[in-house]
Amino acid sequence: MPHKPEAAAVPKFSRSVLLLAPSALLMGVFLIGLIGLITSSLSIDGQLDLGHYTAILNRPDYVEMLGRTLRIAALTTFFSVLLGFPTAYYVARYRGNRNFLLLLIIFPWLVSIVVRSYGWVVILGPRGLINGFASWVGLADRPMKLMYNDFGVILGLVHVLLPFMIIAILSVMLQIPRSMEEASMSLGGRPAHSFRTVVLPLALPGILTGITLVYLMATGAIVTPLLLGGLGDTMLGTEIFQEVMHFFDYPKAAALATVLLITALGVVLPIQIFERWLVRRLSDGAGQ
């Protein structure tokens, strides 16, 4: 029988284009929205003007709000790393049913952020569980101020964003063979030395990815700061929400969002550059 010619295979370049098309579409929509946001912030009565930015920077309360936003985001990221790294390390080295531990980590994602944040209101409020217990045992004569301040907001944000940090670190930790630690200790290195010289450098890319995710989400958080921080200690995300939903001042909200974007990128971009350099160096070291 004569051999039938097979259908021409789809070129590799065409397959790549098809696979990248959804991502390219999303990025295109994002860039269009970003350009519209910046254009709106620079427009006053249809003319190019920096009035919104000068008005923001000349108001001490907005400058203080920006500083508070960056401070809370940095502290949230710090405590997320402090809690997330040991958790990820334990899960990665756990010899039992690791899937059960992973389920416990991602379980908070099944609950709405509003519900989780309101749960902290019930716990930290003036008549909440902690103040009620302290009053019952005689530890405090008056309710302690555990919310409507930075402490309450940071606690709530760490609770909401901690799973992102754990998953980011865990995805890297699972790729580090246990034999590398054992080899280091067999050569005379103590567990602490093996951890510091072997595990920690290899886990740094995951830590940096988690820092980027948590920091960006913390800077733009709305629900948790609104419920646990109140209106007196607002963050930039809640202020943008109020400008859009309550005052319908879209250009001002766009200017605030652009300021937040620039300050966030000023922190995130150096982290990303360092992470790429670190990954490249670790890859070169592994290949040698």
Protein backbone atom coordinates (compact mmCIF):
# COMPACT_ATOMS: atom_id res chain seq x y z
CA MET A 1 0.00 0.00 0.00
CA PRO A 2 1.28 3.47 -0.77
CA HIS A 3 2.34 5.41 2.25
CA LYS A 4 0.00 8.32 3.00
CA PRO A 5 1.80 11.51 3.84
CA GLU A 6 1.12 12.58 7.39
CA ALA A 7 -0.42 15.92 8.11
CA ALA A 8 2.15 18.61 8.54
CA ALA A 9 2.95 19.05 12.18
CA VAL A 10 2.27 22.41 13.73
CA PRO A 11 5.55 24.33 13.79
CA LYS A 12 7.15 24.73 17.16
CA PHE A 13 6.93 28.52 16.89
CA SER A 14 3.18 28.33 16.23
CA ARG A 15 2.64 26.08 19.24
CA SER A 16 4.53 28.52 21.42
CA VAL A 17 2.40 31.39 20.15
CA LEU A 18 -0.79 29.48 20.88
CA LEU A 19 0.35 28.60 24.39
CA LEU A 20 1.40 32.17 25.15
CA ALA A 21 -1.71 33.79 23.65
CA PRO A 22 -3.84 33.71 26.85
CA SER A 23 -1.03 35.18 28.94
CA ALA A 24 -0.31 37.79 26.29
CA LEU A 25 -4.00 38.72 26.24
CA LEU A 26 -4.09 39.16 30.01
CA MET A 27 -0.89 41.22 29.95
CA GLY A 28 -2.31 43.37 27.17
CA VAL A 29 -5.48 44.08 29.13
CA PHE A 30 -3.38 44.86 32.20
CA LEU A 31 -1.15 47.28 30.27
CA ILE A 32 -4.15 49.03 28.73
CA GLY A 33 -5.69 49.45 32.18
CA LEU A 34 -2.37 50.69 33.59
CA ILE A 35 -1.97 53.24 30.81
CA GLY A 36 -5.55 54.41 31.39
CA LEU A 37 -4.88 54.70 35.12
CA ILE A 38 -1.77 56.84 34.66
CA THR A 39 -3.46 58.96 31.98
CA SER A 40 -6.41 59.62 34.27
CA SER A 41 -4.11 60.66 37.10
CA LEU A 42 -2.34 63.18 34.85
CA SER A 43 -5.48 64.78 33.47
CA ILE A 44 -7.31 67.78 34.94
CA ASP A 45 -10.15 69.20 32.83
CA GLY A 46 -8.79 67.34 29.83
CA GLN A 47 -5.29 68.84 30.09
CA LEU A 48 -1.99 67.34 31.20
CA ASP A 49 -1.38 68.41 34.79
CA LEU A 50 0.49 67.12 37.85
CA GLY A 51 -1.96 68.78 40.21
CA HIS A 52 -3.21 65.53 41.74
CA TYR A 53 0.32 64.45 42.64
CA THR A 54 1.34 67.81 44.08
CA ALA A 55 -1.87 67.89 46.12
CA ILE A 56 -1.12 64.43 47.51
CA LEU A 57 2.52 65.14 48.33
CA ASN A 58 1.66 68.48 49.94
CA ARG A 59 -0.78 66.89 52.39
CA PRO A 60 0.97 65.57 55.52
CA ASP A 61 -1.83 63.09 56.21
CA TYR A 62 -1.36 61.44 52.80
CA VAL A 63 2.41 61.29 53.25
CA GLU A 64 1.88 59.74 56.68
CA MET A 65 -0.61 57.29 55.17
CA LEU A 66 1.93 56.25 52.56
CA GLY A 67 4.56 55.71 55.23
CA ARG A 68 2.11 53.70 57.33
CA THR A 69 1.23 51.55 54.33
CA LEU A 70 4.86 50.76 53.57
CA ARG A 71 5.65 50.14 57.25
CA ILE A 72 2.73 47.76 57.76
CA ALA A 73 3.53 45.93 54.51
CA ALA A 74 7.18 45.54 55.53
CA LEU A 75 6.30 44.26 59.02
CA THR A 76 3.67 41.91 57.59
CA THR A 77 6.27 40.50 55.19
CA PHE A 78 8.84 40.13 57.99
CA PHE A 79 6.53 38.18 60.29
CA SER A 80 5.28 36.09 57.36
CA VAL A 81 8.87 35.03 56.63
CA LEU A 82 9.50 34.45 60.34
CA LEU A 83 6.51 32.09 60.57
CA GLY A 84 6.43 30.76 57.03
CA PHE A 85 9.99 29.51 56.65
CA PRO A 86 10.00 27.13 59.66
CA THR A 87 6.58 25.86 58.62
CA ALA A 88 7.69 25.21 55.04
CA TYR A 89 10.89 23.55 56.26
CA TYR A 90 8.95 21.25 58.59
CA VAL A 91 6.46 20.27 55.88
CA ALA A 92 9.26 19.64 53.34
CA ARG A 93 11.11 17.35 55.75
CA TYR A 94 8.01 15.65 57.15
CA ARG A 95 8.07 11.90 56.55
CA GLY A 96 4.38 11.24 57.13
CA ASN A 97 1.27 12.29 55.20
CA ARG A 98 2.41 15.60 53.77
CA ASN A 99 -0.86 16.13 51.89
CA PHE A 100 -2.72 16.56 55.19
CA LEU A 101 -0.32 19.34 56.22
CA LEU A 102 -0.72 21.01 52.83
CA LEU A 103 -4.49 20.87 53.28
CA LEU A 104 -4.15 22.64 56.62
CA ILE A 105 -2.01 25.33 55.01
CA ILE A 106 -4.40 26.10 52.14
CA PHE A 107 -7.57 25.64 54.21
CA PRO A 108 -7.81 29.39 55.04
CA TRP A 109 -8.16 30.07 51.29
CA LEU A 110 -11.53 28.32 51.44
CA VAL A 111 -12.85 31.03 53.76
CA SER A 112 -13.61 34.58 52.64
CA ILE A 113 -11.15 37.31 53.63
CA VAL A 114 -14.08 39.22 55.13
CA VAL A 115 -14.95 36.29 57.38
CA ARG A 116 -11.33 35.76 58.45
CA SER A 117 -10.80 39.44 59.20
CA TYR A 118 -14.09 39.70 61.06
CA GLY A 119 -13.03 36.68 63.11
CA TRP A 120 -10.14 38.77 64.44
CA VAL A 121 -12.61 41.52 65.32
CA VAL A 122 -14.42 39.00 67.51
CA ILE A 123 -11.13 37.96 69.12
CA LEU A 124 -9.40 41.37 69.48
CA GLY A 125 -12.37 43.68 69.99
CA PRO A 126 -13.05 45.63 73.23
CA ARG A 127 -15.58 42.94 74.17
CA GLY A 128 -13.77 40.16 72.35
CA LEU A 129 -12.41 36.90 73.64
CA ILE A 130 -9.02 38.21 74.76
CA ASN A 131 -10.34 41.29 76.57
CA GLY A 132 -13.18 39.27 78.08
CA PHE A 133 -10.75 36.69 79.45
CA ALA A 134 -8.34 39.37 80.74
CA SER A 135 -11.19 41.13 82.53
CA TRP A 136 -12.52 37.86 83.96
CA VAL A 137 -9.17 36.85 85.51
CA GLY A 138 -8.44 40.41 86.65
CA LEU A 139 -5.47 41.10 84.37
CA ALA A 140 -6.92 44.36 83.00
CA ASP A 141 -9.28 46.94 84.47
CA ARG A 142 -10.20 48.31 81.04
CA PRO A 143 -10.22 46.75 77.56
CA MET A 144 -6.84 46.62 75.88
CA LYS A 145 -6.57 48.29 72.48
CA LEU A 146 -5.74 45.30 70.32
CA MET A 147 -7.33 46.57 67.10
CA TYR A 148 -7.86 49.84 65.27
CA ASN A 149 -4.08 50.18 65.31
CA ASP A 150 -1.05 48.78 63.49
CA PHE A 151 -0.96 45.67 65.68
CA GLY A 152 -4.43 44.52 64.66
CA VAL A 153 -3.85 45.22 60.97
CA ILE A 154 -0.49 43.41 60.89
CA LEU A 155 -1.91 40.41 62.76
CA GLY A 156 -4.84 40.16 60.37
CA LEU A 157 -2.67 40.56 57.26
CA VAL A 158 -0.18 37.94 58.44
CA HIS A 159 -3.06 35.51 58.97
CA VAL A 160 -4.43 36.22 55.48
CA LEU A 161 -1.14 36.24 53.56
CA LEU A 162 0.91 33.62 55.43
CA PRO A 163 -0.22 30.71 53.18
CA PHE A 164 1.24 32.51 50.13
CA MET A 165 4.60 32.74 51.86
CA ILE A 166 4.55 29.09 52.94
CA ILE A 167 3.62 27.79 49.49
CA ALA A 168 6.27 29.95 47.77
CA ILE A 169 9.02 28.68 50.08
CA LEU A 170 7.72 25.10 50.11
CA SER A 171 7.81 24.87 46.30
CA VAL A 172 11.58 25.41 46.47
CA MET A 173 12.23 23.42 49.65
CA LEU A 174 10.72 20.29 48.13
CA GLN A 175 13.37 20.40 45.40
CA ILE A 176 16.27 20.40 47.89
CA PRO A 177 17.35 16.77 48.47
CA ARG A 178 17.75 15.74 52.07
CA SER A 179 20.97 14.01 51.02
CA MET A 180 22.66 17.41 50.62
CA GLU A 181 22.19 18.16 54.34
CA GLU A 182 23.31 14.63 55.23
CA ALA A 183 26.42 14.98 53.07
CA SER A 184 27.30 18.26 54.77
CA MET A 185 26.89 16.74 58.22
CA SER A 186 28.87 13.63 57.22
CA LEU A 187 31.77 15.95 56.41
CA GLY A 188 31.76 17.29 59.94
CA GLY A 189 29.30 20.15 59.66
CA ARG A 190 26.90 20.65 62.52
CA PRO A 191 23.15 20.81 61.77
CA ALA A 192 23.08 24.60 62.23
CA HIS A 193 26.10 25.02 59.94
CA SER A 194 24.61 22.70 57.30
CA PHE A 195 21.35 24.60 57.46
CA ARG A 196 23.07 27.99 57.10
CA THR A 197 25.43 26.97 54.30
CA VAL A 198 23.29 24.50 52.33
CA VAL A 199 19.56 24.80 52.93
CA LEU A 200 19.18 28.54 53.41
CA PRO A 201 21.04 29.62 50.22
CA LEU A 202 19.11 27.10 48.12
CA ALA A 203 15.80 28.21 49.66
CA LEU A 204 16.45 31.93 49.09
CA PRO A 205 14.69 32.07 45.68
CA GLY A 206 11.49 30.80 47.29
CA ILE A 207 11.86 33.23 50.19
CA LEU A 208 12.31 36.16 47.79
CA THR A 209 9.28 35.08 45.77
CA GLY A 210 7.20 34.89 48.95
CA ILE A 211 8.45 38.32 50.03
CA THR A 212 7.41 39.79 46.69
CA LEU A 213 3.94 38.26 46.80
CA VAL A 214 3.19 39.15 50.41
CA TYR A 215 4.59 42.67 50.18
CA LEU A 216 2.61 43.55 47.05
CA MET A 217 -0.64 42.15 48.44
CA ALA A 218 -0.09 43.86 51.79
CA THR A 219 0.45 47.28 50.21
CA GLY A 220 -2.84 47.01 48.31
CA ALA A 221 -4.91 45.36 51.06
CA ILE A 222 -8.37 46.84 51.61
CA VAL A 223 -10.68 44.58 53.61
CA THR A 224 -8.40 43.67 56.51
CA PRO A 225 -7.14 47.24 57.16
CA LEU A 226 -10.69 48.53 56.89
CA LEU A 227 -12.03 46.11 59.50
CA LEU A 228 -9.05 45.99 61.87
CA GLY A 229 -7.56 49.44 61.32
CA GLY A 230 -10.68 51.54 61.25
CA LEU A 231 -10.93 54.97 59.65
CA GLY A 232 -8.36 56.65 61.87
CA ASP A 233 -5.34 54.59 60.75
CA THR A 234 -6.15 53.98 57.10
CA MET A 235 -3.78 52.56 54.52
CA LEU A 236 -3.44 53.72 50.95
CA GLY A 237 -5.52 50.83 49.61
CA THR A 238 -8.50 51.70 51.80
CA GLU A 239 -8.15 55.39 50.89
CA ILE A 240 -8.24 54.51 47.17
CA PHE A 241 -11.33 52.40 47.80
CA GLN A 242 -13.07 55.28 49.56
CA GLU A 243 -12.14 57.80 46.85
CA VAL A 244 -13.67 55.53 44.21
CA MET A 245 -16.71 54.13 46.01
CA HIS A 246 -17.70 57.03 48.27
CA PHE A 247 -16.46 60.23 46.62
CA PHE A 248 -16.28 59.07 42.97
CA ASP A 249 -13.02 60.99 42.56
CA TYR A 250 -11.43 58.69 40.00
CA PRO A 251 -8.48 60.92 38.99
CA LYS A 252 -7.41 61.34 42.61
CA ALA A 253 -7.78 57.61 43.22
CA ALA A 254 -5.72 56.97 40.07
CA ALA A 255 -2.97 59.29 41.35
CA LEU A 256 -2.93 57.52 44.73
CA ALA A 257 -2.78 54.14 42.98
CA THR A 258 0.11 55.32 40.78
CA VAL A 259 2.04 56.54 43.82
CA LEU A 260 1.45 53.19 45.51
CA LEU A 261 2.55 51.35 42.36
CA ILE A 262 5.77 53.34 42.05
CA THR A 263 6.74 52.91 45.70
CA ALA A 264 5.94 49.17 45.59
CA LEU A 265 8.01 48.69 42.43
CA GLY A 266 10.86 50.55 44.09
CA VAL A 267 11.01 47.71 46.62
CA VAL A 268 10.02 44.75 44.46
CA LEU A 269 12.20 45.34 41.38
CA PRO A 270 15.53 45.17 43.30
CA ILE A 271 14.29 41.98 44.96
CA GLN A 272 13.45 40.47 41.57
CA ILE A 273 16.85 41.47 40.12
CA PHE A 274 18.62 39.92 43.09
CA GLU A 275 16.51 36.77 42.82
CA ARG A 276 17.38 36.30 39.14
CA TRP A 277 21.06 36.85 39.89
CA LEU A 278 20.89 34.34 42.73
CA VAL A 279 19.11 31.70 40.64
CA ARG A 280 21.63 32.14 37.83
CA ARG A 281 24.54 31.83 40.27
CA LEU A 282 23.06 28.73 41.91
CA SER A 283 22.49 27.17 38.49
CA ASP A 284 26.06 27.88 37.44
CA GLY A 285 27.34 26.42 40.70
CA ALA A 286 25.27 23.28 40.23
CA GLY A 287 26.57 22.83 36.71
CA GLN A 288 30.20 23.01 37.74
